[in-house]
Amino acid sequence: MTIQEIQRLRAAQPFEPFRVLTADGNYYDVRHPELLSQTGSGRLISIGQENHFITLDLLLVTGIQKPIPRRVNGARRRG
């Protein structure tokens, strides 16, 4: 995954929420473009969550999922 791909998803008009998949099997939803930021070098990204944020090294990002799957039977989302 490259920072250019992440930037393209963030800048899309209209914005479409997406899910960032990581090497350890976790995922983090980006539901608004303002909830995603990057470092100057572009190697690290931060994703805002409900009451905290996650910082990820892009080397650990394995993919992007669009659209975000809907919840089934009211199941809570991870991340």
Protein backbone atom coordinates (compact mmCIF):
# COMPACT_ATOMS: atom_id res chain seq x y z
CA MET A 1 0.00 0.00 0.00
CA THR A 2 1.35 3.44 -0.85
CA ILE A 3 0.59 6.83 0.62
CA GLN A 4 -0.54 7.97 -2.84
CA GLU A 5 -3.29 5.33 -2.83
CA ILE A 6 -4.43 6.44 0.63
CA GLN A 7 -4.39 10.10 -0.45
CA ARG A 8 -6.46 9.28 -3.53
CA LEU A 9 -9.11 7.55 -1.41
CA ARG A 10 -9.16 10.44 1.06
CA ALA A 11 -9.51 13.07 -1.68
CA ALA A 12 -12.24 11.25 -3.65
CA GLN A 13 -15.32 13.37 -4.37
CA PRO A 14 -17.73 12.36 -3.10
CA PHE A 15 -15.86 10.67 -0.28
CA GLU A 16 -16.64 6.97 0.12
CA PRO A 17 -15.84 5.38 3.51
CA PHE A 18 -13.27 2.59 3.36
CA ARG A 19 -11.65 0.01 5.62
CA VAL A 20 -7.88 -0.27 6.14
CA LEU A 21 -6.76 -3.91 6.56
CA THR A 22 -3.57 -4.74 8.46
CA ALA A 23 -1.14 -7.65 8.52
CA ASP A 24 -2.27 -8.81 11.98
CA GLY A 25 -5.85 -9.29 10.77
CA ASN A 26 -7.27 -6.11 12.31
CA TYR A 27 -9.11 -3.42 10.38
CA TYR A 28 -9.90 0.24 10.89
CA ASP A 29 -12.77 2.12 9.27
CA VAL A 30 -12.24 5.58 7.80
CA ARG A 31 -15.76 7.04 7.76
CA HIS A 32 -14.81 10.67 7.04
CA PRO A 33 -11.75 12.18 5.32
CA GLU A 34 -10.96 14.36 8.36
CA LEU A 35 -10.45 11.22 10.44
CA LEU A 36 -7.33 10.30 8.46
CA SER A 37 -3.96 12.04 8.66
CA GLN A 38 -0.39 11.27 7.65
CA THR A 39 3.12 12.20 8.71
CA GLY A 40 5.27 14.43 6.56
CA SER A 41 7.19 11.46 5.17
CA GLY A 42 3.94 9.58 4.45
CA ARG A 43 5.10 6.41 6.15
CA LEU A 44 2.70 6.66 9.11
CA ILE A 45 -1.03 7.27 9.04
CA SER A 46 -3.43 7.98 11.91
CA ILE A 47 -7.07 6.97 11.84
CA GLY A 48 -9.53 8.57 14.26
CA GLN A 49 -11.82 6.15 16.10
CA GLU A 50 -14.71 6.78 18.51
CA ASN A 51 -12.59 7.88 21.50
CA HIS A 52 -8.99 7.36 20.40
CA PHE A 53 -6.81 7.15 17.31
CA ILE A 54 -4.70 4.42 15.75
CA THR A 55 -1.29 5.08 14.20
CA LEU A 56 -0.17 2.60 11.55
CA ASP A 57 3.02 2.09 9.59
CA LEU A 58 2.07 1.73 5.92
CA LEU A 59 4.34 -1.32 5.72
CA LEU A 60 1.76 -3.12 7.91
CA VAL A 61 -1.23 -2.14 5.76
CA THR A 62 -2.17 -5.08 3.55
CA GLY A 63 -5.19 -3.70 1.75
CA ILE A 64 -8.28 -1.54 1.47
CA GLN A 65 -11.88 -2.72 1.51
CA LYS A 66 -14.64 -0.71 -0.18
CA PRO A 67 -17.44 -0.42 0.57
CA ILE A 68 -17.35 -1.13 4.27
CA PRO A 69 -19.51 -4.22 4.92
CA ARG A 70 -22.73 -3.58 6.77
CA ARG A 71 -23.16 -4.82 10.31
CA VAL A 72 -25.03 -8.10 10.67
CA ASN A 73 -27.59 -8.49 13.48
CA GLY A 74 -26.34 -5.39 15.26
CA ALA A 75 -22.81 -6.77 15.65
CA ARG A 76 -20.29 -4.25 16.94
CA ARG A 77 -17.45 -3.26 14.70
CA ARG A 78 -13.82 -3.89 15.60
CA GLY A 79 -11.18 -1.22 15.67
